[in-house]
Protein backbone atom coordinates (compact mmCIF):
# COMPACT_ATOMS: atom_id res chain seq x y z
CA MET A 1 -8.87 -13.50 13.17
CA GLN A 2 -8.89 -9.95 14.53
CA ILE A 3 -7.02 -6.78 13.60
CA ARG A 4 -6.65 -4.50 16.61
CA ASN A 5 -4.45 -2.00 18.39
CA ALA A 6 -1.66 -3.65 20.34
CA ASN A 7 -1.61 -3.31 24.12
CA LEU A 8 0.86 -3.89 26.96
CA LYS A 9 -0.30 -7.49 27.40
CA ASP A 10 1.05 -8.25 23.91
CA ALA A 11 4.74 -7.80 24.81
CA ASP A 12 5.82 -11.45 24.81
CA ASN A 13 3.59 -12.36 21.88
CA PHE A 14 4.91 -9.38 19.89
CA ILE A 15 8.53 -10.40 20.52
CA ASP A 16 7.65 -13.93 19.37
CA LEU A 17 6.05 -12.50 16.20
CA GLN A 18 9.16 -10.47 15.36
CA LEU A 19 11.42 -13.49 15.87
CA ARG A 20 9.16 -15.62 13.61
CA LEU A 21 9.22 -12.97 10.90
CA ASP A 22 13.03 -12.80 11.14
CA ARG A 23 13.17 -16.56 10.47
CA GLU A 24 10.66 -16.81 7.66
CA THR A 25 11.29 -13.79 5.42
CA GLU A 26 14.30 -12.08 3.92
CA PHE A 27 12.37 -8.83 3.51
CA MET A 28 12.66 -7.67 7.13
CA MET A 29 15.69 -5.87 8.56
CA TYR A 30 16.88 -8.56 10.97
CA GLU A 31 18.40 -11.89 10.02
CA PRO A 32 17.48 -15.01 12.04
CA GLY A 33 19.17 -14.88 15.46
CA GLU A 34 20.25 -11.26 15.08
CA ARG A 35 17.43 -9.59 17.05
CA ASN A 36 17.94 -9.09 20.77
CA PRO A 37 14.47 -9.63 22.24
CA ASP A 38 14.35 -6.69 24.63
CA ARG A 39 11.17 -6.73 26.72
CA ASP A 40 11.71 -3.20 28.10
CA ARG A 41 12.10 -1.78 24.58
CA THR A 42 9.02 -3.68 23.44
CA GLU A 43 6.98 -2.42 26.38
CA ASN A 44 8.06 1.17 25.60
CA LEU A 45 6.98 0.69 21.99
CA LEU A 46 3.60 -0.66 23.13
CA LYS A 47 3.18 2.23 25.60
CA SER A 48 3.87 4.84 22.93
CA ALA A 49 1.19 3.26 20.76
CA ALA A 50 -1.29 2.92 23.65
CA GLU A 51 -0.82 6.61 24.46
CA GLY A 52 -1.60 7.50 20.83
CA GLU A 53 1.77 8.99 19.95
CA ASN A 54 2.49 6.15 17.53
CA LEU A 55 0.41 3.35 16.03
CA LEU A 56 0.89 -0.39 16.44
CA LEU A 57 -1.70 -2.63 14.82
CA VAL A 58 -1.57 -6.41 15.12
CA VAL A 59 -3.48 -9.30 13.65
CA GLU A 60 -4.37 -11.95 16.21
CA ASP A 61 -5.61 -15.47 15.55
CA LYS A 62 -5.72 -18.43 17.92
CA GLU A 63 -4.20 -16.30 20.71
CA LYS A 64 -1.06 -15.58 18.64
CA LEU A 65 0.01 -12.53 16.69
CA TRP A 66 0.62 -13.08 12.97
CA GLY A 67 1.39 -9.61 11.65
CA TYR A 68 1.83 -5.98 12.56
CA LEU A 69 1.98 -2.45 11.24
CA TRP A 70 4.05 0.10 13.17
CA ALA A 71 3.87 3.84 12.46
CA GLU A 72 6.36 5.99 14.34
CA ARG A 73 5.63 9.68 14.31
CA GLY A 74 8.49 12.15 13.99
CA SER A 75 9.48 13.40 17.44
CA LEU A 76 10.98 16.76 16.43
CA ASN A 77 8.84 19.75 15.44
CA ARG A 78 10.06 19.82 11.84
CA ILE A 79 9.10 16.20 11.20
CA ARG A 80 6.17 15.83 13.58
CA HIS A 81 3.80 15.81 10.61
CA SER A 82 5.35 12.59 9.26
CA ALA A 83 5.48 8.95 10.32
CA TYR A 84 7.75 6.07 9.31
CA ILE A 85 6.05 2.74 8.63
CA VAL A 86 7.24 -0.83 9.24
CA THR A 87 5.01 -3.82 8.56
CA GLY A 88 5.32 -7.58 8.52
CA ILE A 89 2.86 -10.42 8.06
CA CYS A 90 3.67 -14.10 8.56
CA LYS A 91 3.61 -16.10 5.33
CA ASP A 92 0.56 -18.21 6.23
CA TYR A 93 -1.46 -15.00 6.71
CA ARG A 94 -0.42 -13.16 3.55
CA GLY A 95 -2.94 -12.69 0.77
CA LEU A 96 -5.91 -12.56 3.16
CA GLY A 97 -6.47 -8.78 3.04
CA ILE A 98 -4.65 -8.07 6.30
CA GLY A 99 -2.20 -5.62 4.71
CA THR A 100 -5.04 -3.72 3.05
CA ALA A 101 -6.91 -3.57 6.37
CA PHE A 102 -3.76 -2.37 8.16
CA PHE A 103 -3.31 0.48 5.67
CA ARG A 104 -6.99 1.50 5.92
CA GLU A 105 -6.58 1.81 9.70
CA LEU A 106 -3.28 3.64 9.20
CA ASP A 107 -5.06 6.20 7.00
CA LYS A 108 -7.64 6.85 9.74
CA TRP A 109 -4.91 7.26 12.35
CA ALA A 110 -2.87 9.57 10.10
CA VAL A 111 -5.82 11.87 9.38
CA SER A 112 -6.89 12.04 13.03
CA ASN A 113 -3.30 12.81 14.11
CA GLN A 114 -2.61 15.51 11.51
CA ILE A 115 -0.02 13.37 9.75
CA LYS A 116 0.77 14.83 6.32
CA ARG A 117 3.38 12.32 5.19
CA LEU A 118 3.79 8.56 5.63
CA GLU A 119 7.07 7.02 4.52
CA LEU A 120 8.72 3.63 4.26
CA THR A 121 11.42 1.71 2.46
CA VAL A 122 10.95 -1.59 0.67
CA MET A 123 13.42 -3.89 -1.05
CA CYS A 124 13.07 -3.49 -4.81
CA THR A 125 12.64 -7.28 -5.07
CA ASN A 126 9.60 -7.33 -2.74
CA GLU A 127 6.97 -7.04 -5.46
CA ALA A 128 4.02 -8.14 -3.31
CA ALA A 129 4.72 -5.43 -0.73
CA MET A 130 5.16 -2.78 -3.42
CA ARG A 131 1.77 -3.71 -4.93
CA LEU A 132 0.16 -3.32 -1.50
CA TYR A 133 1.86 0.02 -0.87
CA GLU A 134 0.97 1.40 -4.30
CA LYS A 135 -2.63 0.19 -3.91
CA SER A 136 -2.66 2.05 -0.59
CA GLY A 137 -1.57 5.31 -2.23
CA PHE A 138 2.20 5.23 -1.74
CA VAL A 139 4.48 6.35 -4.57
CA LYS A 140 8.16 5.67 -5.21
CA GLU A 141 10.30 8.72 -4.49
CA GLY A 142 13.75 7.29 -5.12
CA ILE A 143 16.12 4.37 -4.84
CA LYS A 144 18.44 3.66 -1.95
CA LYS A 145 21.24 1.88 -3.83
CA ASN A 146 23.03 -1.11 -2.23
CA SER A 147 21.25 -0.39 1.02
CA MET A 148 21.13 -3.97 2.30
CA LEU A 149 23.24 -7.10 2.06
CA VAL A 150 20.91 -10.10 1.79
CA ASN A 151 22.38 -13.57 1.32
CA GLY A 152 25.63 -12.04 0.11
CA GLN A 153 23.89 -9.86 -2.49
CA LEU A 154 23.71 -6.08 -2.34
CA THR A 155 20.05 -5.09 -2.57
CA ASP A 156 18.42 -1.79 -3.44
CA GLU A 157 15.41 -0.33 -1.67
CA TYR A 158 12.77 2.08 -2.85
CA TYR A 159 11.88 5.13 -0.79
CA MET A 160 8.08 5.36 -0.85
CA ALA A 161 5.72 7.93 0.62
CA LYS A 162 2.08 8.89 0.83
CA LEU A 163 1.07 12.52 1.21
CA TYR A 164 -2.21 13.79 2.65
C-alpha cells in the first residue's frame, strides 16, 4: 500500500474510485449512479494537482486506488490563502491510518504553499470523519442546517476549518 501524489495516468482508476465510493458510503456528495464520469474533467483535476496549484493524494494497493484527499486552493486573490478539502477512503481501507497520513501530507503542502486556512464540511452523523478531522487540528465553526437529503432525511453538516 502506497500513499502518493496522483498523476495523469491515474485518470481511469480515479474515476473508478469515485464511483466505488458513491456506491459504498452515504457520506459522499454523490448518490450511486448520479456521477457523470467525465474523463476530461478528471484529467484537468489531475493536471492542476500535478502543476502544484492543488493537491490530490491517493492511496494505491494492488494497482487500484482505494482513497483520496483533494485540496482545492482558492482561485481569487481574496481566498487564495485557503483551500477546500474533500476526502474519501473505501471501507476496507478505513482504520489503517490512511486518513492520518493524508492529513500529515496536507499540512506539509499547506505550509509550503502559504495556505493559511483549510476548510471542509462533514455530515454531523459522520463521527469517524469528525474524529479524524479534529485529531488533525480542524475545529467546528458552525452548522449548515438541512444541507443534504440522505435516504429521505434532511441532514446537517458541520463547517470545519484549520488555521495556520
